[in-house]
Every structure is written in structure tokens, then in C-alpha cells.
Amino acid sequence: MRLTIHSFCTLDGVVQAPGGPDEDRDGGFAHGGWSFPYGDEDFGATMAGWFAHADAFLLGRRTYEIFAGHWPHVTDADDPIASKLNALPKYVASRTLSSVGWHNSSLLGRDAVADIVKLKALPGDELQVHGSGGLARTLIDYDLIDEYRLLVFPVHVGSGKKFFADGAKAGALRLVETTTTSTGVIIATYEPAGPVRHGSYALDEPTT
């Protein structure tokens, strides 16, 4: 399976608590729910299209708990997101959870990276990561991401947890596709493109 990662980001790169005030107040974060005003039909159609390709989900502990508290209560069989999340396998990377109760969920072992490599080797379309900022940083550092799907919202919040955190492994990306919703959310899809390339705009030394 290809590992695809989906993240809501502010213009200043923050991914903390996009869906509600109480999702993640770490560090005194006061802007939870910043993505909500920008939801529209374009946004919904994009998400539904991505979920149609999911064969399994890989989630960090906090995102798993948020999802497990919400999506099992959405029982519409025609809901393109709930139907996938509630039915498909969900693999959870956590150092603190001892069990997971949501249907078809299981915990990864102590060597989560090795387990994720094994999951990627399974047949199927996509192993999807949604949210899960801490897990994302591990996936970046170990070059496990096959496609980045970043939704950049027209808001900046000044502080908070970022998708590309300081100290993350450097790398180049190739833009695959970009669209914009009616509310100004930029949806950009990237693939890894090897190491960072460097150069300089400095003028050559004049010759005499």
C-alpha cells in the first residue's frame, strides 16, 4: 500500500487542533477550531475522493482518540468518510495506550517503524494517515511517506505545533496537483523528490 498523509495547515504551518477548541490545548493553544469556517462543498468532495482510495488507516494516539469519540456515532452507511473509518482496519501508534476499542483497531508494537514498513508491503491501495502530527514527524524522518496531501487554510495563528517541525529531516518535494476551494483553502499534493538541492543567486565575481 502507498502511504499517504493528509494534514490541515495554517499559512504559518500550524497543524494543532484544527477541528475544535478542545482538540489539543497543549502549550496554552487558544485557536482550536481554526479550520471550521472554511468548510464547503469543494472541501467535502476532495476529502470524499481521497477516502475512496483508503484500504487502511494509520493514526497517532491523539487523532485516534478524537476520531474514536466522533465517527462511530455517524451511522449513515452512505457517508463516504464515516463508512470507511468505521469499517476498515485502523492501526494506532502509541506509547501510552494499552488497548483500543474502536471496531477493527489495533495497536502497533514497540518498533512502530518496522510495523509500518510491514503494513506498506501489504496489498491494497492506500494506507492513509490523517492528522497525527507527532506520527507525521516520524514518518518524515524515516522516508515512509509516498504522498503528502496538505490543505493550507487562509489563516495564521502565530504559534502551535507545526507539520514540519524544527529539526525534521530535510527533503525536496514535487508538486503533483493543486486546487483551491471556494473559501480559499489551497489543496496541494506532493511527492518526495530526494534531498534538498542548493544553489545561489549571487553574481559571479567580475573579471578584470
N, C-alpha and C. Protein backbone atom coordinates (compact mmCIF):
# COMPACT_ATOMS: atom_id res chain seq x y z
N MET A 1 0.84 -1.20 0.00
CA MET A 1 0.00 0.00 0.00
C MET A 1 0.87 1.25 0.00
N ARG A 2 0.40 2.26 -0.70
CA ARG A 2 1.06 3.56 -0.65
C ARG A 2 0.64 4.27 0.63
N LEU A 3 1.61 4.92 1.29
CA LEU A 3 1.31 5.67 2.50
C LEU A 3 1.08 7.13 2.11
N THR A 4 -0.15 7.60 2.32
CA THR A 4 -0.50 8.98 2.02
C THR A 4 -0.83 9.69 3.33
N ILE A 5 -0.38 10.94 3.44
CA ILE A 5 -0.62 11.69 4.67
C ILE A 5 -1.41 12.94 4.35
N HIS A 6 -2.41 13.22 5.18
CA HIS A 6 -3.35 14.31 4.95
C HIS A 6 -3.31 15.23 6.16
N SER A 7 -3.07 16.52 5.93
CA SER A 7 -2.94 17.42 7.07
C SER A 7 -3.55 18.78 6.76
N PHE A 8 -4.30 19.30 7.74
CA PHE A 8 -4.80 20.67 7.68
C PHE A 8 -3.71 21.56 8.26
N CYS A 9 -3.35 22.62 7.54
CA CYS A 9 -2.28 23.51 7.98
C CYS A 9 -2.74 24.97 7.87
N THR A 10 -2.30 25.79 8.81
CA THR A 10 -2.47 27.23 8.66
C THR A 10 -1.37 27.76 7.72
N LEU A 11 -1.49 29.02 7.34
CA LEU A 11 -0.46 29.60 6.48
C LEU A 11 0.90 29.62 7.15
N ASP A 12 0.93 29.67 8.48
CA ASP A 12 2.22 29.63 9.17
C ASP A 12 2.58 28.22 9.61
N GLY A 13 1.96 27.21 8.99
CA GLY A 13 2.39 25.83 9.16
C GLY A 13 1.88 25.09 10.36
N VAL A 14 0.96 25.68 11.12
CA VAL A 14 0.47 25.05 12.34
C VAL A 14 -0.60 24.02 12.00
N VAL A 15 -0.51 22.87 12.66
CA VAL A 15 -1.49 21.79 12.46
C VAL A 15 -2.27 21.48 13.73
N GLN A 16 -2.03 22.20 14.78
CA GLN A 16 -2.61 21.90 16.08
C GLN A 16 -4.10 22.25 16.13
N ALA A 17 -4.91 21.29 16.57
CA ALA A 17 -6.34 21.50 16.88
C ALA A 17 -7.12 22.20 15.78
N PRO A 18 -7.13 21.67 14.56
CA PRO A 18 -7.90 22.33 13.51
C PRO A 18 -9.41 22.22 13.68
N GLY A 19 -9.89 21.16 14.38
CA GLY A 19 -11.30 20.85 14.36
C GLY A 19 -12.14 21.34 15.52
N GLY A 20 -11.52 21.86 16.58
CA GLY A 20 -12.31 22.30 17.71
C GLY A 20 -11.46 22.85 18.84
N PRO A 21 -12.03 23.69 19.70
CA PRO A 21 -11.26 24.35 20.76
C PRO A 21 -10.59 23.40 21.73
N ASP A 22 -11.17 22.23 21.96
CA ASP A 22 -10.64 21.32 22.97
C ASP A 22 -9.86 20.14 22.39
N GLU A 23 -9.58 20.15 21.10
CA GLU A 23 -8.84 19.05 20.50
C GLU A 23 -7.44 18.91 21.09
N ASP A 24 -6.76 20.04 21.26
CA ASP A 24 -5.38 19.99 21.75
C ASP A 24 -5.01 21.37 22.28
N ARG A 25 -5.04 21.51 23.60
CA ARG A 25 -4.71 22.80 24.23
C ARG A 25 -3.27 22.84 24.73
N ASP A 26 -2.44 21.88 24.32
CA ASP A 26 -1.04 21.88 24.76
C ASP A 26 -0.40 23.24 24.50
N GLY A 27 0.42 23.67 25.47
CA GLY A 27 1.10 24.95 25.31
C GLY A 27 0.18 26.14 25.43
N GLY A 28 -1.02 25.94 25.93
CA GLY A 28 -1.98 27.03 26.05
C GLY A 28 -2.56 27.47 24.72
N PHE A 29 -2.58 26.56 23.74
CA PHE A 29 -3.05 26.91 22.40
C PHE A 29 -4.50 27.39 22.46
N ALA A 30 -4.75 28.60 21.93
CA ALA A 30 -6.05 29.26 22.10
C ALA A 30 -6.85 29.35 20.81
N HIS A 31 -6.38 28.74 19.73
CA HIS A 31 -7.04 28.92 18.44
C HIS A 31 -7.63 27.63 17.89
N GLY A 32 -7.93 26.66 18.74
CA GLY A 32 -8.51 25.41 18.27
C GLY A 32 -9.80 25.62 17.50
N GLY A 33 -9.95 24.90 16.40
CA GLY A 33 -11.13 25.05 15.55
C GLY A 33 -10.94 26.01 14.39
N TRP A 34 -9.69 26.37 14.11
CA TRP A 34 -9.42 27.39 13.08
C TRP A 34 -9.81 26.95 11.67
N SER A 35 -9.97 25.65 11.41
CA SER A 35 -10.33 25.22 10.05
C SER A 35 -11.84 25.30 9.79
N PHE A 36 -12.63 25.30 10.85
CA PHE A 36 -14.09 25.14 10.70
C PHE A 36 -14.75 26.17 9.77
N PRO A 37 -14.41 27.45 9.84
CA PRO A 37 -15.12 28.43 9.00
C PRO A 37 -14.92 28.23 7.50
N TYR A 38 -13.99 27.39 7.09
CA TYR A 38 -13.64 27.28 5.68
C TYR A 38 -14.16 26.00 5.02
N GLY A 39 -14.97 25.23 5.73
CA GLY A 39 -15.54 24.03 5.13
C GLY A 39 -16.57 24.39 4.07
N ASP A 40 -16.54 23.72 2.92
CA ASP A 40 -17.51 23.95 1.86
C ASP A 40 -17.64 22.67 1.02
N GLU A 41 -18.42 22.73 -0.04
CA GLU A 41 -18.63 21.55 -0.87
C GLU A 41 -17.35 21.09 -1.55
N ASP A 42 -16.51 22.04 -1.97
CA ASP A 42 -15.24 21.67 -2.61
C ASP A 42 -14.38 20.86 -1.65
N PHE A 43 -14.30 21.32 -0.43
CA PHE A 43 -13.52 20.65 0.61
C PHE A 43 -14.07 19.24 0.85
N GLY A 44 -15.39 19.14 1.00
CA GLY A 44 -16.01 17.85 1.26
C GLY A 44 -15.80 16.86 0.12
N ALA A 45 -15.90 17.35 -1.12
CA ALA A 45 -15.72 16.47 -2.28
C ALA A 45 -14.29 15.96 -2.36
N THR A 46 -13.34 16.81 -2.05
CA THR A 46 -11.93 16.39 -2.07
C THR A 46 -11.68 15.31 -1.03
N MET A 47 -12.16 15.52 0.19
CA MET A 47 -11.95 14.53 1.24
C MET A 47 -12.62 13.21 0.88
N ALA A 48 -13.84 13.27 0.36
CA ALA A 48 -14.55 12.04 -0.01
C ALA A 48 -13.78 11.28 -1.10
N GLY A 49 -13.22 12.02 -2.05
CA GLY A 49 -12.44 11.39 -3.11
C GLY A 49 -11.21 10.68 -2.57
N TRP A 50 -10.54 11.29 -1.62
CA TRP A 50 -9.37 10.66 -1.02
C TRP A 50 -9.76 9.41 -0.22
N PHE A 51 -10.80 9.53 0.59
CA PHE A 51 -11.22 8.40 1.41
C PHE A 51 -11.63 7.20 0.56
N ALA A 52 -12.08 7.45 -0.66
CA ALA A 52 -12.48 6.34 -1.53
C ALA A 52 -11.32 5.42 -1.85
N HIS A 53 -10.07 5.90 -1.71
CA HIS A 53 -8.89 5.10 -2.01
C HIS A 53 -8.30 4.41 -0.79
N ALA A 54 -8.87 4.65 0.38
CA ALA A 54 -8.31 4.08 1.61
C ALA A 54 -8.59 2.59 1.72
N ASP A 55 -7.57 1.82 2.08
CA ASP A 55 -7.74 0.41 2.43
C ASP A 55 -7.41 0.16 3.90
N ALA A 56 -6.76 1.14 4.55
CA ALA A 56 -6.46 1.05 5.98
C ALA A 56 -6.03 2.44 6.43
N PHE A 57 -6.06 2.64 7.76
CA PHE A 57 -5.68 3.92 8.33
C PHE A 57 -4.58 3.72 9.37
N LEU A 58 -3.68 4.68 9.43
CA LEU A 58 -2.60 4.72 10.40
C LEU A 58 -2.75 6.03 11.17
N LEU A 59 -2.91 5.93 12.49
CA LEU A 59 -3.23 7.11 13.29
C LEU A 59 -2.35 7.20 14.52
N GLY A 60 -2.03 8.43 14.90
CA GLY A 60 -1.39 8.67 16.18
C GLY A 60 -2.42 8.61 17.30
N ARG A 61 -1.93 8.58 18.53
CA ARG A 61 -2.81 8.38 19.67
C ARG A 61 -3.87 9.47 19.81
N ARG A 62 -3.49 10.74 19.72
CA ARG A 62 -4.46 11.82 19.93
C ARG A 62 -5.52 11.83 18.83
N THR A 63 -5.09 11.68 17.58
CA THR A 63 -6.06 11.67 16.48
C THR A 63 -6.97 10.46 16.60
N TYR A 64 -6.42 9.31 16.97
CA TYR A 64 -7.25 8.12 17.16
C TYR A 64 -8.34 8.39 18.20
N GLU A 65 -7.98 8.99 19.31
CA GLU A 65 -8.97 9.23 20.36
C GLU A 65 -10.03 10.22 19.91
N ILE A 66 -9.63 11.25 19.16
CA ILE A 66 -10.61 12.21 18.64
C ILE A 66 -11.56 11.52 17.66
N PHE A 67 -11.00 10.75 16.74
CA PHE A 67 -11.83 10.06 15.75
C PHE A 67 -12.75 9.03 16.42
N ALA A 68 -12.20 8.27 17.38
CA ALA A 68 -12.98 7.23 18.04
C ALA A 68 -14.13 7.81 18.86
N GLY A 69 -13.99 9.07 19.28
CA GLY A 69 -15.05 9.71 20.03
C GLY A 69 -16.13 10.31 19.14
N HIS A 70 -15.86 10.36 17.84
CA HIS A 70 -16.81 11.02 16.92
C HIS A 70 -17.41 10.08 15.88
N TRP A 71 -16.54 9.45 15.09
CA TRP A 71 -17.02 8.75 13.90
C TRP A 71 -17.89 7.53 14.16
N PRO A 72 -17.72 6.77 15.24
CA PRO A 72 -18.65 5.66 15.48
C PRO A 72 -20.09 6.11 15.66
N HIS A 73 -20.29 7.40 15.98
CA HIS A 73 -21.64 7.92 16.16
C HIS A 73 -22.27 8.40 14.86
N VAL A 74 -21.48 8.40 13.78
CA VAL A 74 -22.01 8.74 12.46
C VAL A 74 -22.35 7.42 11.78
N THR A 75 -23.62 7.09 11.74
CA THR A 75 -24.04 5.74 11.34
C THR A 75 -24.64 5.69 9.94
N ASP A 76 -24.61 6.79 9.22
CA ASP A 76 -25.12 6.82 7.84
C ASP A 76 -24.21 5.97 6.96
N ALA A 77 -24.75 4.89 6.43
CA ALA A 77 -23.94 3.98 5.61
C ALA A 77 -23.45 4.62 4.33
N ASP A 78 -24.08 5.72 3.92
CA ASP A 78 -23.69 6.40 2.69
C ASP A 78 -22.69 7.52 2.94
N ASP A 79 -22.35 7.77 4.19
CA ASP A 79 -21.35 8.80 4.47
C ASP A 79 -19.98 8.29 3.99
N PRO A 80 -19.34 9.00 3.04
CA PRO A 80 -18.12 8.46 2.43
C PRO A 80 -16.93 8.40 3.38
N ILE A 81 -16.97 9.17 4.45
CA ILE A 81 -15.86 9.18 5.39
C ILE A 81 -16.14 8.23 6.55
N ALA A 82 -17.29 8.38 7.18
CA ALA A 82 -17.63 7.52 8.33
C ALA A 82 -17.65 6.05 7.94
N SER A 83 -18.19 5.73 6.77
CA SER A 83 -18.29 4.33 6.37
C SER A 83 -16.92 3.69 6.24
N LYS A 84 -15.95 4.44 5.77
CA LYS A 84 -14.58 3.92 5.65
C LYS A 84 -13.91 3.81 7.02
N LEU A 85 -13.99 4.88 7.80
CA LEU A 85 -13.30 4.88 9.09
C LEU A 85 -13.86 3.83 10.03
N ASN A 86 -15.16 3.62 9.99
CA ASN A 86 -15.77 2.67 10.92
C ASN A 86 -15.53 1.21 10.52
N ALA A 87 -15.31 0.97 9.23
CA ALA A 87 -15.20 -0.41 8.76
C ALA A 87 -13.77 -0.90 8.58
N LEU A 88 -12.89 -0.05 8.07
CA LEU A 88 -11.56 -0.50 7.65
C LEU A 88 -10.61 -0.65 8.84
N PRO A 89 -9.51 -1.41 8.65
CA PRO A 89 -8.51 -1.54 9.71
C PRO A 89 -7.90 -0.20 10.08
N LYS A 90 -7.70 -0.01 11.38
CA LYS A 90 -7.09 1.20 11.92
C LYS A 90 -5.91 0.78 12.79
N TYR A 91 -4.72 1.24 12.43
CA TYR A 91 -3.50 0.90 13.16
C TYR A 91 -3.06 2.13 13.94
N VAL A 92 -2.81 1.97 15.22
CA VAL A 92 -2.57 3.10 16.11
C VAL A 92 -1.15 3.04 16.64
N ALA A 93 -0.41 4.12 16.46
CA ALA A 93 0.94 4.24 17.00
C ALA A 93 0.85 5.01 18.32
N SER A 94 1.15 4.33 19.42
CA SER A 94 1.05 4.97 20.73
C SER A 94 1.99 4.30 21.71
N ARG A 95 2.62 5.13 22.55
CA ARG A 95 3.46 4.60 23.63
C ARG A 95 2.69 4.52 24.94
N THR A 96 1.46 5.06 24.96
CA THR A 96 0.73 5.16 26.23
C THR A 96 -0.53 4.30 26.27
N LEU A 97 -1.17 4.07 25.13
CA LEU A 97 -2.38 3.26 25.14
C LEU A 97 -2.04 1.78 25.34
N SER A 98 -2.86 1.11 26.13
CA SER A 98 -2.68 -0.34 26.32
C SER A 98 -3.71 -1.13 25.54
N SER A 99 -4.78 -0.48 25.09
CA SER A 99 -5.81 -1.15 24.30
C SER A 99 -6.56 -0.12 23.47
N VAL A 100 -7.22 -0.58 22.42
CA VAL A 100 -8.03 0.29 21.56
C VAL A 100 -9.35 -0.43 21.30
N GLY A 101 -10.47 0.29 21.51
CA GLY A 101 -11.76 -0.37 21.47
C GLY A 101 -12.59 -0.13 20.22
N TRP A 102 -12.18 0.82 19.38
CA TRP A 102 -12.95 1.10 18.18
C TRP A 102 -12.86 -0.09 17.23
N HIS A 103 -13.97 -0.45 16.61
CA HIS A 103 -14.03 -1.62 15.73
C HIS A 103 -12.87 -1.66 14.75
N ASN A 104 -12.24 -2.81 14.65
CA ASN A 104 -11.17 -3.09 13.68
C ASN A 104 -9.93 -2.22 13.92
N SER A 105 -9.67 -1.89 15.18
CA SER A 105 -8.47 -1.13 15.55
C SER A 105 -7.46 -2.04 16.23
N SER A 106 -6.17 -1.73 16.04
CA SER A 106 -5.12 -2.48 16.72
C SER A 106 -3.93 -1.58 16.95
N LEU A 107 -3.19 -1.87 18.01
CA LEU A 107 -2.01 -1.11 18.36
C LEU A 107 -0.78 -1.65 17.63
N LEU A 108 0.07 -0.75 17.17
CA LEU A 108 1.37 -1.16 16.65
C LEU A 108 2.26 -1.58 17.81
N GLY A 109 3.30 -2.35 17.50
CA GLY A 109 4.23 -2.78 18.52
C GLY A 109 5.20 -1.69 18.93
N ARG A 110 6.16 -2.05 19.77
CA ARG A 110 7.14 -1.08 20.25
C ARG A 110 7.97 -0.51 19.11
N ASP A 111 8.27 -1.33 18.12
CA ASP A 111 9.01 -0.85 16.95
C ASP A 111 7.99 -0.46 15.88
N ALA A 112 7.40 0.73 16.06
CA ALA A 112 6.32 1.15 15.16
C ALA A 112 6.81 1.30 13.73
N VAL A 113 8.04 1.76 13.55
CA VAL A 113 8.57 1.97 12.20
C VAL A 113 8.62 0.64 11.44
N ALA A 114 9.11 -0.40 12.10
CA ALA A 114 9.17 -1.73 11.47
C ALA A 114 7.77 -2.22 11.12
N ASP A 115 6.81 -1.98 12.00
CA ASP A 115 5.44 -2.40 11.74
C ASP A 115 4.85 -1.64 10.55
N ILE A 116 5.16 -0.35 10.45
CA ILE A 116 4.64 0.44 9.34
C ILE A 116 5.23 -0.03 8.01
N VAL A 117 6.50 -0.37 8.01
CA VAL A 117 7.12 -0.92 6.80
C VAL A 117 6.39 -2.18 6.36
N LYS A 118 6.02 -3.03 7.32
CA LYS A 118 5.29 -4.26 7.00
C LYS A 118 3.89 -3.94 6.46
N LEU A 119 3.24 -2.94 7.04
CA LEU A 119 1.91 -2.55 6.56
C LEU A 119 1.98 -2.06 5.11
N LYS A 120 3.00 -1.28 4.80
CA LYS A 120 3.14 -0.76 3.44
C LYS A 120 3.36 -1.89 2.43
N ALA A 121 3.90 -2.99 2.89
CA ALA A 121 4.17 -4.12 1.99
C ALA A 121 2.91 -4.95 1.72
N LEU A 122 1.83 -4.69 2.45
CA LEU A 122 0.60 -5.44 2.23
C LEU A 122 -0.07 -5.00 0.93
N PRO A 123 -0.85 -5.88 0.30
CA PRO A 123 -1.58 -5.47 -0.90
C PRO A 123 -2.66 -4.47 -0.56
N GLY A 124 -2.98 -3.60 -1.52
CA GLY A 124 -4.03 -2.62 -1.31
C GLY A 124 -3.68 -1.31 -1.97
N ASP A 125 -4.58 -0.35 -1.84
CA ASP A 125 -4.41 0.95 -2.48
C ASP A 125 -3.63 1.89 -1.57
N GLU A 126 -4.31 2.45 -0.55
CA GLU A 126 -3.64 3.44 0.29
C GLU A 126 -3.75 3.10 1.78
N LEU A 127 -2.65 3.29 2.49
CA LEU A 127 -2.60 3.33 3.94
C LEU A 127 -2.59 4.82 4.29
N GLN A 128 -3.71 5.31 4.82
CA GLN A 128 -3.88 6.76 4.97
C GLN A 128 -3.63 7.21 6.40
N VAL A 129 -2.89 8.31 6.51
CA VAL A 129 -2.67 8.99 7.78
C VAL A 129 -3.44 10.31 7.73
N HIS A 130 -4.23 10.58 8.77
CA HIS A 130 -4.97 11.84 8.87
C HIS A 130 -4.59 12.49 10.19
N GLY A 131 -4.27 13.79 10.13
CA GLY A 131 -3.83 14.46 11.35
C GLY A 131 -2.55 13.82 11.86
N SER A 132 -2.54 13.47 13.16
CA SER A 132 -1.44 12.68 13.73
C SER A 132 -0.09 13.37 13.55
N GLY A 133 0.01 14.61 14.03
CA GLY A 133 1.22 15.41 13.82
C GLY A 133 2.49 14.77 14.36
N GLY A 134 2.44 14.19 15.55
CA GLY A 134 3.63 13.55 16.09
C GLY A 134 4.07 12.37 15.27
N LEU A 135 3.12 11.56 14.85
CA LEU A 135 3.43 10.42 13.98
C LEU A 135 3.99 10.90 12.65
N ALA A 136 3.44 12.00 12.12
CA ALA A 136 3.91 12.54 10.84
C ALA A 136 5.40 12.82 10.88
N ARG A 137 5.88 13.37 11.98
CA ARG A 137 7.30 13.70 12.07
C ARG A 137 8.17 12.44 12.00
N THR A 138 7.70 11.36 12.60
CA THR A 138 8.44 10.09 12.49
C THR A 138 8.44 9.59 11.06
N LEU A 139 7.30 9.66 10.40
CA LEU A 139 7.19 9.19 9.02
C LEU A 139 8.10 10.00 8.10
N ILE A 140 8.19 11.30 8.33
CA ILE A 140 9.08 12.15 7.54
C ILE A 140 10.53 11.75 7.76
N ASP A 141 10.91 11.57 9.02
CA ASP A 141 12.31 11.26 9.34
C ASP A 141 12.76 9.93 8.76
N TYR A 142 11.83 8.98 8.60
CA TYR A 142 12.19 7.65 8.09
C TYR A 142 11.81 7.46 6.61
N ASP A 143 11.47 8.54 5.93
CA ASP A 143 11.16 8.48 4.49
C ASP A 143 10.08 7.46 4.16
N LEU A 144 9.03 7.45 4.96
CA LEU A 144 7.96 6.47 4.78
C LEU A 144 6.75 7.01 4.03
N ILE A 145 6.74 8.30 3.72
CA ILE A 145 5.58 8.93 3.09
C ILE A 145 5.73 8.87 1.57
N ASP A 146 4.71 8.36 0.90
CA ASP A 146 4.70 8.30 -0.55
C ASP A 146 4.01 9.52 -1.17
N GLU A 147 3.08 10.13 -0.44
CA GLU A 147 2.39 11.30 -0.97
C GLU A 147 1.90 12.17 0.18
N TYR A 148 2.18 13.47 0.05
CA TYR A 148 1.72 14.46 1.01
C TYR A 148 0.48 15.16 0.43
N ARG A 149 -0.57 15.26 1.22
CA ARG A 149 -1.77 16.00 0.82
C ARG A 149 -2.02 17.06 1.88
N LEU A 150 -1.63 18.28 1.56
CA LEU A 150 -1.68 19.38 2.52
C LEU A 150 -2.79 20.36 2.15
N LEU A 151 -3.64 20.65 3.11
CA LEU A 151 -4.72 21.61 2.93
C LEU A 151 -4.34 22.86 3.71
N VAL A 152 -4.00 23.92 2.99
CA VAL A 152 -3.49 25.14 3.61
C VAL A 152 -4.63 26.15 3.70
N PHE A 153 -4.99 26.50 4.92
CA PHE A 153 -6.14 27.38 5.18
C PHE A 153 -5.69 28.83 5.27
N PRO A 154 -6.53 29.77 4.84
CA PRO A 154 -6.15 31.19 4.82
C PRO A 154 -6.27 31.83 6.20
N VAL A 155 -5.44 31.37 7.11
CA VAL A 155 -5.42 31.90 8.47
C VAL A 155 -4.02 31.65 9.03
N HIS A 156 -3.54 32.57 9.87
CA HIS A 156 -2.29 32.33 10.59
C HIS A 156 -2.55 32.57 12.07
N VAL A 157 -1.95 31.72 12.92
CA VAL A 157 -2.29 31.73 14.34
C VAL A 157 -1.12 32.08 15.25
N GLY A 158 0.08 32.21 14.69
CA GLY A 158 1.19 32.75 15.46
C GLY A 158 2.00 31.77 16.28
N SER A 159 1.39 30.66 16.68
CA SER A 159 2.13 29.66 17.46
C SER A 159 1.37 28.35 17.40
N GLY A 160 2.03 27.29 17.84
CA GLY A 160 1.40 25.98 17.85
C GLY A 160 2.27 24.93 17.21
N LYS A 161 1.82 23.68 17.27
CA LYS A 161 2.58 22.56 16.70
C LYS A 161 2.54 22.63 15.18
N LYS A 162 3.69 22.39 14.55
CA LYS A 162 3.79 22.51 13.10
C LYS A 162 3.99 21.15 12.44
N PHE A 163 3.56 21.06 11.19
CA PHE A 163 3.71 19.82 10.44
C PHE A 163 5.18 19.51 10.22
N PHE A 164 5.93 20.46 9.67
CA PHE A 164 7.38 20.32 9.50
C PHE A 164 8.03 20.99 10.70
N ALA A 165 8.24 20.24 11.75
CA ALA A 165 8.78 20.79 12.98
C ALA A 165 10.27 21.07 12.84
N ASP A 166 10.78 21.99 13.66
CA ASP A 166 12.21 22.26 13.70
C ASP A 166 12.96 20.96 13.98
N GLY A 167 14.00 20.71 13.19
CA GLY A 167 14.79 19.51 13.37
C GLY A 167 14.34 18.34 12.53
N ALA A 168 13.22 18.49 11.80
CA ALA A 168 12.77 17.40 10.93
C ALA A 168 13.76 17.19 9.80
N LYS A 169 13.78 15.98 9.26
CA LYS A 169 14.68 15.66 8.17
C LYS A 169 14.37 16.52 6.95
N ALA A 170 15.40 17.08 6.34
CA ALA A 170 15.22 17.93 5.16
C ALA A 170 14.95 17.08 3.92
N GLY A 171 14.24 17.63 2.96
CA GLY A 171 13.98 16.91 1.73
C GLY A 171 13.27 17.80 0.73
N ALA A 172 13.34 17.45 -0.54
CA ALA A 172 12.64 18.17 -1.60
C ALA A 172 11.33 17.47 -1.91
N LEU A 173 10.36 18.22 -2.41
CA LEU A 173 9.07 17.68 -2.80
C LEU A 173 8.76 18.12 -4.24
N ARG A 174 7.95 17.32 -4.91
CA ARG A 174 7.49 17.65 -6.26
C ARG A 174 5.99 17.85 -6.22
N LEU A 175 5.53 19.01 -6.71
CA LEU A 175 4.10 19.30 -6.74
C LEU A 175 3.43 18.43 -7.79
N VAL A 176 2.41 17.67 -7.38
CA VAL A 176 1.68 16.79 -8.28
C VAL A 176 0.39 17.45 -8.76
N GLU A 177 -0.31 18.11 -7.84
CA GLU A 177 -1.61 18.69 -8.18
C GLU A 177 -1.94 19.77 -7.17
N THR A 178 -2.67 20.79 -7.61
CA THR A 178 -3.15 21.81 -6.69
C THR A 178 -4.51 22.32 -7.13
N THR A 179 -5.38 22.53 -6.16
CA THR A 179 -6.69 23.12 -6.40
C THR A 179 -6.98 24.10 -5.27
N THR A 180 -7.98 24.93 -5.46
CA THR A 180 -8.38 25.89 -4.43
C THR A 180 -9.88 25.82 -4.23
N THR A 181 -10.33 25.79 -2.99
CA THR A 181 -11.76 25.73 -2.71
C THR A 181 -12.37 27.13 -2.79
N SER A 182 -13.70 27.18 -2.71
CA SER A 182 -14.40 28.47 -2.80
C SER A 182 -14.10 29.37 -1.61
N THR A 183 -13.62 28.79 -0.50
CA THR A 183 -13.30 29.59 0.69
C THR A 183 -11.82 29.92 0.78
N GLY A 184 -11.05 29.54 -0.24
CA GLY A 184 -9.64 29.92 -0.27
C GLY A 184 -8.68 28.91 0.32
N VAL A 185 -9.12 27.69 0.56
CA VAL A 185 -8.21 26.64 1.04
C VAL A 185 -7.43 26.11 -0.16
N ILE A 186 -6.11 26.12 -0.07
CA ILE A 186 -5.25 25.58 -1.12
C ILE A 186 -4.99 24.12 -0.81
N ILE A 187 -5.36 23.24 -1.73
CA ILE A 187 -5.17 21.80 -1.56
C ILE A 187 -4.03 21.38 -2.49
N ALA A 188 -2.90 21.05 -1.90
CA ALA A 188 -1.70 20.75 -2.68
C ALA A 188 -1.22 19.33 -2.39
N THR A 189 -0.94 18.60 -3.46
CA THR A 189 -0.45 17.23 -3.35
C THR A 189 1.00 17.18 -3.81
N TYR A 190 1.85 16.57 -3.00
CA TYR A 190 3.28 16.49 -3.29
C TYR A 190 3.77 15.05 -3.18
N GLU A 191 4.84 14.76 -3.90
CA GLU A 191 5.57 13.51 -3.76
C GLU A 191 7.01 13.82 -3.35
N PRO A 192 7.65 12.94 -2.59
CA PRO A 192 9.06 13.15 -2.26
C PRO A 192 9.91 13.23 -3.52
N ALA A 193 10.90 14.11 -3.50
CA ALA A 193 11.76 14.30 -4.67
C ALA A 193 13.23 14.30 -4.29
N GLY A 194 13.59 13.47 -3.33
CA GLY A 194 15.00 13.33 -2.98
C GLY A 194 15.49 14.40 -2.03
N PRO A 195 16.81 14.54 -1.93
CA PRO A 195 17.38 15.51 -1.00
C PRO A 195 17.17 16.95 -1.47
N VAL A 196 17.32 17.87 -0.53
CA VAL A 196 17.25 19.29 -0.86
C VAL A 196 18.39 19.65 -1.81
N ARG A 197 18.07 20.41 -2.85
CA ARG A 197 19.10 20.90 -3.77
C ARG A 197 19.42 22.35 -3.42
N HIS A 198 20.67 22.73 -3.58
CA HIS A 198 21.11 24.06 -3.18
C HIS A 198 21.73 24.81 -4.36
N GLY A 199 21.70 26.10 -4.26
CA GLY A 199 22.31 26.95 -5.27
C GLY A 199 22.47 28.35 -4.71
N SER A 200 22.76 29.29 -5.57
CA SER A 200 22.97 30.65 -5.12
C SER A 200 22.58 31.63 -6.22
N TYR A 201 21.95 32.76 -5.81
CA TYR A 201 21.64 33.83 -6.75
C TYR A 201 22.74 34.88 -6.80
N ALA A 202 23.80 34.64 -6.05
CA ALA A 202 24.90 35.62 -6.03
C ALA A 202 25.51 35.74 -7.43
N LEU A 203 25.87 36.96 -7.79
CA LEU A 203 26.51 37.19 -9.07
C LEU A 203 27.92 36.67 -9.06
N ASP A 204 28.37 36.23 -10.21
CA ASP A 204 29.76 35.82 -10.33
C ASP A 204 30.67 37.01 -10.10
N GLU A 205 31.84 36.71 -9.56
CA GLU A 205 32.82 37.78 -9.36
C GLU A 205 33.20 38.40 -10.71
N PRO A 206 33.20 39.70 -10.80
CA PRO A 206 33.58 40.32 -12.07
C PRO A 206 35.01 40.01 -12.44
N THR A 207 35.23 39.82 -13.72
CA THR A 207 36.59 39.58 -14.19
C THR A 207 37.21 40.88 -14.64
N THR A 208 38.50 40.99 -14.48
CA THR A 208 39.20 42.22 -14.90
C THR A 208 40.23 41.89 -15.98
